PDB file of N, CA and C in Angstrom:
ATOM      1  N   MET A   1      59.917   6.988   1.967  1.00  0.00           N
ATOM      2  CA  MET A   1      58.920   7.511   2.836  1.00  0.00           C
ATOM      3  C   MET A   1      57.604   7.935   2.299  1.00  0.00           C
ATOM      4  N   ALA A   2      57.547   8.351   0.894  1.00  0.00           N
ATOM      5  CA  ALA A   2      56.342   7.942   1.025  1.00  0.00           C
ATOM      6  C   ALA A   2      55.251   6.443   1.113  1.00  0.00           C
ATOM      7  N   GLU A   3      55.868   5.622   0.268  1.00  0.00           N
ATOM      8  CA  GLU A   3      55.542   4.171   0.842  1.00  0.00           C
ATOM      9  C   GLU A   3      55.233   4.146   1.999  1.00  0.00           C
ATOM     10  N   GLU A   4      55.989   4.392   3.030  1.00  0.00           N
ATOM     11  CA  GLU A   4      56.134   4.126   4.166  1.00  0.00           C
ATOM     12  C   GLU A   4      54.592   5.145   5.227  1.00  0.00           C
ATOM     13  N   ALA A   5      54.462   6.317   4.556  1.00  0.00           N
ATOM     14  CA  ALA A   5      53.179   6.907   5.122  1.00  0.00           C
ATOM     15  C   ALA A   5      51.836   6.934   4.555  1.00  0.00           C
ATOM     16  N   LYS A   6      52.205   5.648   3.797  1.00  0.00           N
ATOM     17  CA  LYS A   6      50.636   4.800   3.827  1.00  0.00           C
ATOM     18  C   LYS A   6      50.348   3.554   4.446  1.00  0.00           C
ATOM     19  N   VAL A   7      50.948   3.128   5.774  1.00  0.00           N
ATOM     20  CA  VAL A   7      50.765   2.000   6.790  1.00  0.00           C
ATOM     21  C   VAL A   7      50.090   2.938   7.708  1.00  0.00           C
ATOM     22  N   ARG A   8      48.872   2.127   8.094  1.00  0.00           N
ATOM     23  CA  ARG A   8      47.685   2.412   8.453  1.00  0.00           C
ATOM     24  C   ARG A   8      47.457   1.039   9.636  1.00  0.00           C
ATOM     25  N   ILE A   9      46.898   1.525  10.865  1.00  0.00           N
ATOM     26  CA  ILE A   9      46.592   0.799  11.734  1.00  0.00           C
ATOM     27  C   ILE A   9      45.873  -0.153  11.416  1.00  0.00           C
ATOM     28  N   GLY A  10      45.782  -1.509  11.692  1.00  0.00           N
ATOM     29  CA  GLY A  10      44.950  -2.493  10.486  1.00  0.00           C
ATOM     30  C   GLY A  10      45.607  -3.058   9.111  1.00  0.00           C
ATOM     31  N   ASP A  11      46.288  -2.885   8.762  1.00  0.00           N
ATOM     32  CA  ASP A  11      46.664  -2.783   7.501  1.00  0.00           C
ATOM     33  C   ASP A  11      47.563  -4.041   7.686  1.00  0.00           C
ATOM     34  N   VAL A  12      47.430  -5.130   6.527  1.00  0.00           N
ATOM     35  CA  VAL A  12      48.175  -6.324   7.007  1.00  0.00           C
ATOM     36  C   VAL A  12      50.020  -5.925   5.803  1.00  0.00           C
ATOM     37  N   VAL A  13      50.846  -6.119   6.461  1.00  0.00           N
ATOM     38  CA  VAL A  13      51.907  -5.733   5.815  1.00  0.00           C
ATOM     39  C   VAL A  13      52.996  -6.872   5.858  1.00  0.00           C
ATOM     40  N   ARG A  14      53.891  -7.100   5.158  1.00  0.00           N
ATOM     41  CA  ARG A  14      55.255  -8.073   4.769  1.00  0.00           C
ATOM     42  C   ARG A  14      55.953  -6.970   5.620  1.00  0.00           C
ATOM     43  N   VAL A  15      56.948  -7.953   6.571  1.00  0.00           N
ATOM     44  CA  VAL A  15      58.145  -7.403   7.193  1.00  0.00           C
ATOM     45  C   VAL A  15      59.652  -7.805   5.728  1.00  0.00           C
ATOM     46  N   THR A  16      60.462  -6.900   4.963  1.00  0.00           N
ATOM     47  CA  THR A  16      60.755  -7.161   4.584  1.00  0.00           C
ATOM     48  C   THR A  16      62.468  -7.355   4.565  1.00  0.00           C
ATOM     49  N   GLY A  17      62.637  -6.439   5.564  1.00  0.00           N
ATOM     50  CA  GLY A  17      64.373  -6.643   6.346  1.00  0.00           C
ATOM     51  C   GLY A  17      64.549  -7.499   7.676  1.00  0.00           C
ATOM     52  N   GLY A  18      65.807  -7.324   8.256  1.00  0.00           N
ATOM     53  CA  GLY A  18      65.884  -7.823   8.903  1.00  0.00           C
ATOM     54  C   GLY A  18      65.488  -9.625   9.600  1.00  0.00           C
ATOM     55  N   PRO A  19      65.413  -9.812  11.227  1.00  0.00           N
ATOM     56  CA  PRO A  19      65.649 -10.852  11.647  1.00  0.00           C
ATOM     57  C   PRO A  19      64.090 -11.865  11.403  1.00  0.00           C
ATOM     58  N   PHE A  20      62.990 -10.627  11.078  1.00  0.00           N
ATOM     59  CA  PHE A  20      61.835 -11.684  10.641  1.00  0.00           C
ATOM     60  C   PHE A  20      61.177 -11.041   9.366  1.00  0.00           C
ATOM     61  N   ALA A  21      62.007 -11.077   8.360  1.00  0.00           N
ATOM     62  CA  ALA A  21      61.885 -10.796   7.685  1.00  0.00           C
ATOM     63  C   ALA A  21      60.686 -11.975   6.936  1.00  0.00           C
ATOM     64  N   GLY A  22      59.720 -12.098   5.741  1.00  0.00           N
ATOM     65  CA  GLY A  22      58.797 -12.879   5.548  1.00  0.00           C
ATOM     66  C   GLY A  22      58.029 -12.751   6.325  1.00  0.00           C
ATOM     67  N   PHE A  23      57.794 -12.396   7.262  1.00  0.00           N
ATOM     68  CA  PHE A  23      56.711 -12.644   8.289  1.00  0.00           C
ATOM     69  C   PHE A  23      55.601 -11.307   7.759  1.00  0.00           C
ATOM     70  N   LYS A  24      54.203 -11.742   7.786  1.00  0.00           N
ATOM     71  CA  LYS A  24      52.815 -10.988   7.678  1.00  0.00           C
ATOM     72  C   LYS A  24      52.422 -11.194   9.204  1.00  0.00           C
ATOM     73  N   GLY A  25      51.023  -9.991   9.058  1.00  0.00           N
ATOM     74  CA  GLY A  25      50.620  -9.596   9.665  1.00  0.00           C
ATOM     75  C   GLY A  25      49.932  -8.352  10.441  1.00  0.00           C
ATOM     76  N   PRO A  26      49.329  -7.916  10.587  1.00  0.00           N
ATOM     77  CA  PRO A  26      48.261  -6.369  10.697  1.00  0.00           C
ATOM     78  C   PRO A  26      48.907  -5.921  11.311  1.00  0.00           C
ATOM     79  N   VAL A  27      48.553  -4.381  11.368  1.00  0.00           N
ATOM     80  CA  VAL A  27      49.502  -3.449  11.983  1.00  0.00           C
ATOM     81  C   VAL A  27      48.168  -2.842  13.196  1.00  0.00           C
ATOM     82  N   GLY A  28      49.202  -3.320  13.789  1.00  0.00           N
ATOM     83  CA  GLY A  28      49.138  -2.482  15.774  1.00  0.00           C
ATOM     84  C   GLY A  28      48.822  -1.015  16.295  1.00  0.00           C
ATOM     85  N   ALA A  29      50.336  -0.851  15.484  1.00  0.00           N
ATOM     86  CA  ALA A  29      50.385   0.885  16.015  1.00  0.00           C
ATOM     87  C   ALA A  29      51.793   1.377  15.203  1.00  0.00           C
ATOM     88  N   VAL A  30      51.877   2.732  14.640  1.00  0.00           N
ATOM     89  CA  VAL A  30      52.072   3.383  14.187  1.00  0.00           C
ATOM     90  C   VAL A  30      52.999   4.346  14.723  1.00  0.00           C
ATOM     91  N   ASP A  31      54.349   4.778  14.875  1.00  0.00           N
ATOM     92  CA  ASP A  31      55.438   5.910  15.395  1.00  0.00           C
ATOM     93  C   ASP A  31      55.988   6.530  14.376  1.00  0.00           C
ATOM     94  N   PHE A  32      54.830   7.646  13.908  1.00  0.00           N
ATOM     95  CA  PHE A  32      55.980   8.045  12.848  1.00  0.00           C
ATOM     96  C   PHE A  32      57.397   8.892  12.985  1.00  0.00           C
ATOM     97  N   GLY A  33      57.033   9.418  14.359  1.00  0.00           N
ATOM     98  CA  GLY A  33      58.206  10.169  15.025  1.00  0.00           C
ATOM     99  C   GLY A  33      59.550   9.203  15.122  1.00  0.00           C
ATOM    100  N   ARG A  34      59.500   7.763  16.145  1.00  0.00           N
ATOM    101  CA  ARG A  34      60.314   7.027  15.473  1.00  0.00           C
ATOM    102  C   ARG A  34      60.450   5.715  14.558  1.00  0.00           C
ATOM    103  N   GLY A  35      59.747   6.399  13.575  1.00  0.00           N
ATOM    104  CA  GLY A  35      59.772   5.573  12.550  1.00  0.00           C
ATOM    105  C   GLY A  35      59.584   3.929  12.469  1.00  0.00           C
ATOM    106  N   ARG A  36      58.862   3.374  13.761  1.00  0.00           N
ATOM    107  CA  ARG A  36      58.707   2.300  13.985  1.00  0.00           C
ATOM    108  C   ARG A  36      56.946   1.842  13.693  1.00  0.00           C
ATOM    109  N   VAL A  37      56.949   0.441  13.512  1.00  0.00           N
ATOM    110  CA  VAL A  37      55.223  -0.021  13.309  1.00  0.00           C
ATOM    111  C   VAL A  37      55.622  -1.200  14.274  1.00  0.00           C
ATOM    112  N   ARG A  38      54.421  -1.493  14.809  1.00  0.00           N
ATOM    113  CA  ARG A  38      53.915  -2.926  15.684  1.00  0.00           C
ATOM    114  C   ARG A  38      53.212  -3.433  14.915  1.00  0.00           C
ATOM    115  N   LEU A  39      53.569  -4.682  14.913  1.00  0.00           N
ATOM    116  CA  LEU A  39      52.798  -5.796  14.066  1.00  0.00           C
ATOM    117  C   LEU A  39      52.432  -6.957  14.707  1.00  0.00           C
ATOM    118  N   THR A  40      51.388  -8.057  14.540  1.00  0.00           N
ATOM    119  CA  THR A  40      51.033  -9.571  15.354  1.00  0.00           C
ATOM    120  C   THR A  40      51.854 -10.278  14.485  1.00  0.00           C
ATOM    121  N   VAL A  41      52.159 -11.479  14.586  1.00  0.00           N
ATOM    122  CA  VAL A  41      52.864 -12.279  13.815  1.00  0.00           C
ATOM    123  C   VAL A  41      52.803 -12.967  14.417  1.00  0.00           C
ATOM    124  N   ASP A  42      52.703 -14.142  13.536  1.00  0.00           N
ATOM    125  CA  ASP A  42      52.375 -15.868  14.139  1.00  0.00           C
ATOM    126  C   ASP A  42      54.071 -16.409  14.120  1.00  0.00           C
ATOM    127  N   ILE A  43      54.123 -16.391  14.919  1.00  0.00           N
ATOM    128  CA  ILE A  43      55.989 -17.140  15.240  1.00  0.00           C
ATOM    129  C   ILE A  43      55.758 -18.441  15.762  1.00  0.00           C
ATOM    130  N   LEU A  44      55.943 -19.766  15.328  1.00  0.00           N
ATOM    131  CA  LEU A  44      55.264 -21.084  15.525  1.00  0.00           C
ATOM    132  C   LEU A  44      54.502 -21.500  16.434  1.00  0.00           C
ATOM    133  N   GLY A  45      53.334 -20.664  15.628  1.00  0.00           N
ATOM    134  CA  GLY A  45      51.740 -21.088  16.382  1.00  0.00           C
ATOM    135  C   GLY A  45      51.630 -20.453  17.544  1.00  0.00           C
ATOM    136  N   ASP A  46      52.590 -18.950  18.028  1.00  0.00           N
ATOM    137  CA  ASP A  46      51.922 -18.329  18.988  1.00  0.00           C
ATOM    138  C   ASP A  46      52.052 -16.889  18.245  1.00  0.00           C
ATOM    139  N   MET A  47      51.335 -16.340  18.722  1.00  0.00           N
ATOM    140  CA  MET A  47      51.004 -14.721  18.130  1.00  0.00           C
ATOM    141  C   MET A  47      51.839 -13.427  19.261  1.00  0.00           C
ATOM    142  N   SER A  48      52.897 -13.306  18.142  1.00  0.00           N
ATOM    143  CA  SER A  48      53.668 -12.391  19.113  1.00  0.00           C
ATOM    144  C   SER A  48      53.516 -10.894  18.468  1.00  0.00           C
ATOM    145  N   ILE A  49      54.027 -10.191  18.955  1.00  0.00           N
ATOM    146  CA  ILE A  49      53.672  -8.701  18.962  1.00  0.00           C
ATOM    147  C   ILE A  49      55.585  -8.376  18.418  1.00  0.00           C
ATOM    148  N   ILE A  50      55.679  -7.514  17.293  1.00  0.00           N
ATOM    149  CA  ILE A  50      56.809  -7.174  17.589  1.00  0.00           C
ATOM    150  C   ILE A  50      57.274  -5.808  16.407  1.00  0.00           C
ATOM    151  N   ASP A  51      58.257  -4.994  17.224  1.00  0.00           N
ATOM    152  CA  ASP A  51      58.312  -3.843  16.620  1.00  0.00           C
ATOM    153  C   ASP A  51      59.156  -3.904  15.674  1.00  0.00           C
ATOM    154  N   VAL A  52      59.377  -3.622  14.036  1.00  0.00           N
ATOM    155  CA  VAL A  52      60.402  -3.352  13.261  1.00  0.00           C
ATOM    156  C   VAL A  52      60.031  -1.758  12.835  1.00  0.00           C
ATOM    157  N   PRO A  53      61.301  -1.444  12.251  1.00  0.00           N
ATOM    158  CA  PRO A  53      61.314  -0.190  11.550  1.00  0.00           C
ATOM    159  C   PRO A  53      60.431  -0.560  10.633  1.00  0.00           C
ATOM    160  N   LEU A  54      59.960   1.317  10.022  1.00  0.00           N
ATOM    161  CA  LEU A  54      58.634   1.690   8.928  1.00  0.00           C
ATOM    162  C   LEU A  54      59.433   1.084   7.448  1.00  0.00           C
ATOM    163  N   SER A  55      60.687   1.204   7.185  1.00  0.00           N
ATOM    164  CA  SER A  55      61.399   1.345   6.664  1.00  0.00           C
ATOM    165  C   SER A  55      61.364  -0.668   6.101  1.00  0.00           C
ATOM    166  N   ASP A  56      60.730  -1.316   7.013  1.00  0.00           N
ATOM    167  CA  ASP A  56      61.131  -2.387   6.773  1.00  0.00           C
ATOM    168  C   ASP A  56      59.662  -3.547   6.703  1.00  0.00           C
ATOM    169  N   VAL A  57      59.065  -2.672   6.236  1.00  0.00           N
ATOM    170  CA  VAL A  57      57.507  -3.121   5.894  1.00  0.00           C
ATOM    171  C   VAL A  57      56.884  -3.014   4.079  1.00  0.00           C
ATOM    172  N   ALA A  58      56.121  -3.530   3.913  1.00  0.00           N
ATOM    173  CA  ALA A  58      55.962  -3.438   2.693  1.00  0.00           C
ATOM    174  C   ALA A  58      54.412  -3.872   2.192  1.00  0.00           C
ATOM    175  N   GLY A  59      53.385  -3.529   2.115  1.00  0.00           N
ATOM    176  CA  GLY A  59      52.318  -4.175   1.738  1.00  0.00           C
ATOM    177  C   GLY A  59      51.863  -5.623   1.485  1.00  0.00           C
ATOM    178  N   ALA A  60      51.400  -6.365   1.625  1.00  0.00           N
ATOM    179  CA  ALA A  60      51.206  -7.596   1.640  1.00  0.00           C
ATOM    180  C   ALA A  60      50.583  -8.188   0.305  1.00  0.00           C
ATOM    181  N   ASP A  61      50.996  -8.831  -0.371  1.00  0.00           N
ATOM    182  CA  ASP A  61      50.533  -9.424  -1.833  1.00  0.00           C
ATOM    183  C   ASP A  61      49.667 -10.120  -1.548  1.00  0.00           C
TER     184      ASP A  61
END
């Protein structure tokens, strides 16, 4: 949970689990109450907004 609290709007993060694992994108919104984060990622050349669990994101290296 300590790592999740470090996620802020504008940070670029990498999805580590689920169907979007491996995608990277900037954080658009964080909902700590629901434990979710909204990212904008490039899927097949189209920018898409995805909503994933906070536990499935890590800082992009």
